[in-house]
Protein backbone atom coordinates (compact mmCIF):
# COMPACT_ATOMS: atom_id res chain seq x y z
CA MET A 1 -8.51 5.18 14.45
CA ARG A 2 -5.68 2.98 13.19
CA THR A 3 -5.78 -0.79 13.60
CA PRO A 4 -2.52 -2.77 13.75
CA MET A 5 -2.63 -5.33 10.94
CA ARG A 6 -0.10 -7.19 8.82
CA LEU A 7 -1.32 -7.66 5.26
CA THR A 8 0.68 -8.34 2.09
CA VAL A 9 0.98 -5.26 -0.14
CA SER A 10 2.27 -4.96 -3.71
CA TYR A 11 2.69 -1.55 -5.27
CA ALA A 12 3.77 0.18 -8.47
CA ILE A 13 4.94 3.77 -8.62
CA VAL A 14 2.72 5.44 -11.24
CA GLY A 15 4.71 6.72 -14.23
CA THR A 16 7.70 4.44 -13.54
CA LYS A 17 8.50 0.77 -13.81
CA LYS A 18 9.34 0.52 -10.08
CA LEU A 19 7.51 -2.23 -8.22
CA GLY A 20 7.67 -3.22 -4.56
CA LYS A 21 6.27 -5.55 -1.92
CA SER A 22 5.77 -5.05 1.78
CA LEU A 23 3.56 -5.75 4.78
CA THR A 24 1.19 -3.22 6.28
CA THR A 25 1.85 -2.08 9.83
CA ASN A 26 -1.63 -0.65 10.31
CA ILE A 27 -4.78 0.35 8.44
CA SER A 28 -7.62 2.84 8.90
CA GLY A 29 -10.60 4.20 7.01
CA GLY A 30 -8.31 6.86 5.55
CA GLY A 31 -5.37 4.75 4.45
CA ILE A 32 -2.75 2.12 5.07
CA ARG A 33 0.78 2.30 6.42
CA PHE A 34 3.59 0.13 5.14
CA LEU A 35 7.36 0.33 4.86
CA ALA A 36 8.27 0.62 1.18
CA GLU A 37 11.30 -0.77 -0.64
CA HIS A 38 11.77 2.62 -2.33
CA VAL A 39 12.03 6.18 -1.06
CA LEU A 40 8.56 7.61 -1.67
CA GLU A 41 8.07 11.36 -1.49
CA PRO A 42 4.75 12.83 -0.31
CA GLY A 43 2.41 13.17 -3.27
CA THR A 44 3.82 10.13 -5.12
CA GLN A 45 0.97 8.22 -6.75
CA LEU A 46 0.87 4.43 -6.28
CA GLU A 47 -1.14 1.56 -7.70
CA VAL A 48 -1.64 -0.68 -4.67
CA SER A 49 -2.81 -4.27 -4.26
CA VAL A 50 -3.63 -5.59 -0.76
CA ARG A 51 -4.37 -9.21 0.10
CA LEU A 52 -7.17 -9.57 2.64
CA PRO A 53 -7.51 -12.85 4.53
CA ASP A 54 -11.20 -13.34 3.68
CA ARG A 55 -10.95 -12.66 -0.09
CA SER A 56 -9.60 -14.80 -2.91
CA LYS A 57 -8.60 -11.76 -5.00
CA PRO A 58 -6.59 -8.77 -3.78
CA VAL A 59 -8.18 -5.35 -3.29
CA ARG A 60 -6.70 -2.86 -5.78
CA PHE A 61 -6.71 0.92 -5.65
CA VAL A 62 -4.74 4.02 -6.59
CA GLY A 63 -3.47 6.17 -3.74
CA ARG A 64 -0.85 8.74 -2.94
CA VAL A 65 1.88 9.00 -0.33
CA VAL A 66 0.90 11.37 2.45
CA TRP A 67 4.00 11.22 4.71
């Protein structure tokens, strides 16, 4: 189940120096959706940082583009 939510996202494309910022459109237990500043092909690995409203530090993780 996806939940509509707007959270600030920063990302880095692994293996490059490309960085971007965006807002999520929705989140779920399996991932997040956001509109990226770059064209991201499925399988692209990202280092992601998400700001949650109830935390002072962002949540960081590595993920990959699914679609």
